Amino acid sequence: MEALWCRDLVAEALELSGEVPEIFNTDQGVQYTSKVFTDFIIGSGIKLSMDGKGRATDNAFIERLWRSVKYERLYLYEYQTGKELYDMLESYFEYYNHGRRHSSINDEYPADWYKLERQNKIAA
């Protein structure tokens, strides 16, 4: 992965989604600390956050999410095309956020918990 490729990939994602995140988090890989990448992120109005050196647990949430995807869907079925895989992921994330209760948030649905958290922040 080179810095230009990473920058271009993020630019494409921003264009496709039509949304700009508040924060973009990366590790301290050379491609993410490069001037071309950091200038693009900051120039897009996004705060850049980097995990500290030796912070292996910083990715625990996302690693756990992808473990769930793999064991609950990916390894159970054979996908013939990229479109089938894309559709499965879209369906799974809909289920994961709206139809699957999570013990780490008192058996609530993540989408409901997120809405409540946002309402609490706005009210504060």
Protein backbone atom coordinates (compact mmCIF):
# COMPACT_ATOMS: atom_id res chain seq x y z
CA MET A 1 0.00 0.00 0.00
CA GLU A 2 1.41 3.32 -1.02
CA ALA A 3 0.34 6.76 0.18
CA LEU A 4 -1.15 7.83 -3.17
CA TRP A 5 -3.21 4.65 -3.41
CA CYS A 6 -4.50 5.13 0.16
CA ARG A 7 -5.35 8.77 -0.54
CA ASP A 8 -7.15 7.88 -3.77
CA LEU A 9 -9.09 5.08 -2.07
CA VAL A 10 -10.30 7.41 0.68
CA ALA A 11 -11.19 10.07 -1.90
CA GLU A 12 -13.27 7.53 -3.83
CA ALA A 13 -15.02 6.37 -0.65
CA LEU A 14 -15.86 9.96 0.29
CA GLU A 15 -17.22 10.63 -3.19
CA LEU A 16 -19.31 7.45 -3.28
CA SER A 17 -20.76 7.94 0.20
CA GLY A 18 -21.38 11.65 -0.18
CA GLU A 19 -20.47 12.05 3.48
CA VAL A 20 -17.40 13.34 5.29
CA PRO A 21 -16.56 11.66 8.61
CA GLU A 22 -15.63 13.75 11.60
CA ILE A 23 -12.55 11.62 12.38
CA PHE A 24 -10.38 9.25 10.32
CA ASN A 25 -8.35 6.79 12.41
CA THR A 26 -5.26 4.93 11.17
CA ASP A 27 -2.18 3.28 12.53
CA GLN A 28 1.21 4.94 12.13
CA GLY A 29 2.12 3.21 8.89
CA VAL A 30 4.34 5.22 6.55
CA GLN A 31 1.54 5.59 4.00
CA TYR A 32 -0.73 7.21 6.60
CA THR A 33 1.90 9.53 8.03
CA SER A 34 2.97 10.76 4.59
CA LYS A 35 2.41 14.39 3.66
CA VAL A 36 0.24 13.45 0.66
CA PHE A 37 -2.16 11.40 2.82
CA THR A 38 -2.29 13.66 5.89
CA ASP A 39 -2.72 16.80 3.77
CA PHE A 40 -5.63 15.18 1.94
CA ILE A 41 -7.42 14.09 5.12
CA ILE A 42 -6.97 17.40 6.91
CA GLY A 43 -7.71 19.35 3.72
CA SER A 44 -11.01 17.46 3.47
CA GLY A 45 -12.07 18.85 6.85
CA ILE A 46 -11.51 15.56 8.65
CA LYS A 47 -9.69 15.23 11.97
CA LEU A 48 -6.84 12.72 11.71
CA SER A 49 -6.37 10.29 14.58
CA MET A 50 -3.49 7.82 14.79
CA ASP A 51 -3.12 4.91 17.13
CA GLY A 52 -0.17 5.16 19.46
CA LYS A 53 2.88 3.00 18.93
CA GLY A 54 2.41 -0.39 20.52
CA ARG A 55 -1.35 0.05 20.96
CA ALA A 56 -2.37 -3.38 19.67
CA THR A 57 -5.73 -3.21 21.44
CA ASP A 58 -6.79 -0.05 19.57
CA ASN A 59 -8.14 -2.22 16.76
CA ALA A 60 -9.94 -4.67 19.04
CA PHE A 61 -13.41 -3.44 18.09
CA ILE A 62 -12.92 -3.70 14.34
CA GLU A 63 -11.06 -7.00 14.64
CA ARG A 64 -14.00 -8.41 16.62
CA LEU A 65 -16.47 -7.12 14.03
CA TRP A 66 -14.61 -8.83 11.17
CA ARG A 67 -14.34 -12.03 13.18
CA SER A 68 -18.15 -12.00 13.46
CA VAL A 69 -18.52 -11.37 9.72
CA LYS A 70 -16.19 -14.25 8.89
CA TYR A 71 -17.65 -16.84 11.25
CA GLU A 72 -21.32 -15.88 10.89
CA ARG A 73 -21.38 -15.42 7.10
CA LEU A 74 -18.19 -15.53 5.07
CA TYR A 75 -16.95 -19.00 6.00
CA LEU A 76 -20.44 -20.55 5.83
CA TYR A 77 -21.24 -19.80 2.20
CA GLU A 78 -19.47 -19.74 -1.14
CA TYR A 79 -19.79 -16.49 -3.07
CA GLN A 80 -19.48 -16.72 -6.84
CA THR A 81 -19.13 -13.04 -7.66
CA GLY A 82 -18.06 -9.79 -6.07
CA LYS A 83 -21.69 -8.65 -6.28
CA GLU A 84 -22.84 -11.63 -4.20
CA LEU A 85 -20.19 -10.86 -1.61
CA TYR A 86 -21.11 -7.16 -1.58
CA ASP A 87 -24.80 -8.00 -1.15
CA MET A 88 -24.00 -10.39 1.68
CA LEU A 89 -21.95 -7.75 3.49
CA GLU A 90 -24.64 -5.12 3.02
CA SER A 91 -27.26 -7.52 4.40
CA TYR A 92 -25.04 -8.64 7.26
CA PHE A 93 -24.25 -5.11 8.43
CA GLU A 94 -27.94 -4.25 8.33
CA TYR A 95 -28.58 -7.30 10.54
CA TYR A 96 -25.55 -6.60 12.76
CA ASN A 97 -26.69 -3.05 13.49
CA HIS A 98 -30.49 -3.42 13.53
CA GLY A 99 -31.32 -7.09 14.17
CA ARG A 100 -28.62 -8.51 16.43
CA ARG A 101 -28.49 -7.64 20.09
CA HIS A 102 -25.05 -7.02 21.59
CA SER A 103 -24.17 -8.03 25.13
CA SER A 104 -21.54 -5.28 25.39
CA ILE A 105 -24.31 -2.64 25.20
CA ASN A 106 -26.85 -4.26 27.53
CA ASP A 107 -28.36 -6.47 24.80
CA GLU A 108 -29.45 -3.49 22.76
CA TYR A 109 -29.21 -3.06 19.00
CA PRO A 110 -26.21 -0.93 17.99
CA ALA A 111 -28.33 1.37 15.81
CA ASP A 112 -30.69 2.11 18.71
CA TRP A 113 -27.79 2.59 21.11
CA TYR A 114 -26.05 4.95 18.67
CA LYS A 115 -29.21 7.06 18.24
CA LEU A 116 -29.62 7.31 22.01
CA GLU A 117 -25.97 8.29 22.48
CA ARG A 118 -26.29 11.02 19.85
CA GLN A 119 -29.49 12.33 21.44
CA ASN A 120 -27.75 12.43 24.84
CA LYS A 121 -24.79 14.35 23.38
CA ILE A 122 -27.09 16.85 21.67
CA ALA A 123 -29.10 17.33 24.87
CA ALA A 124 -25.94 17.82 26.97
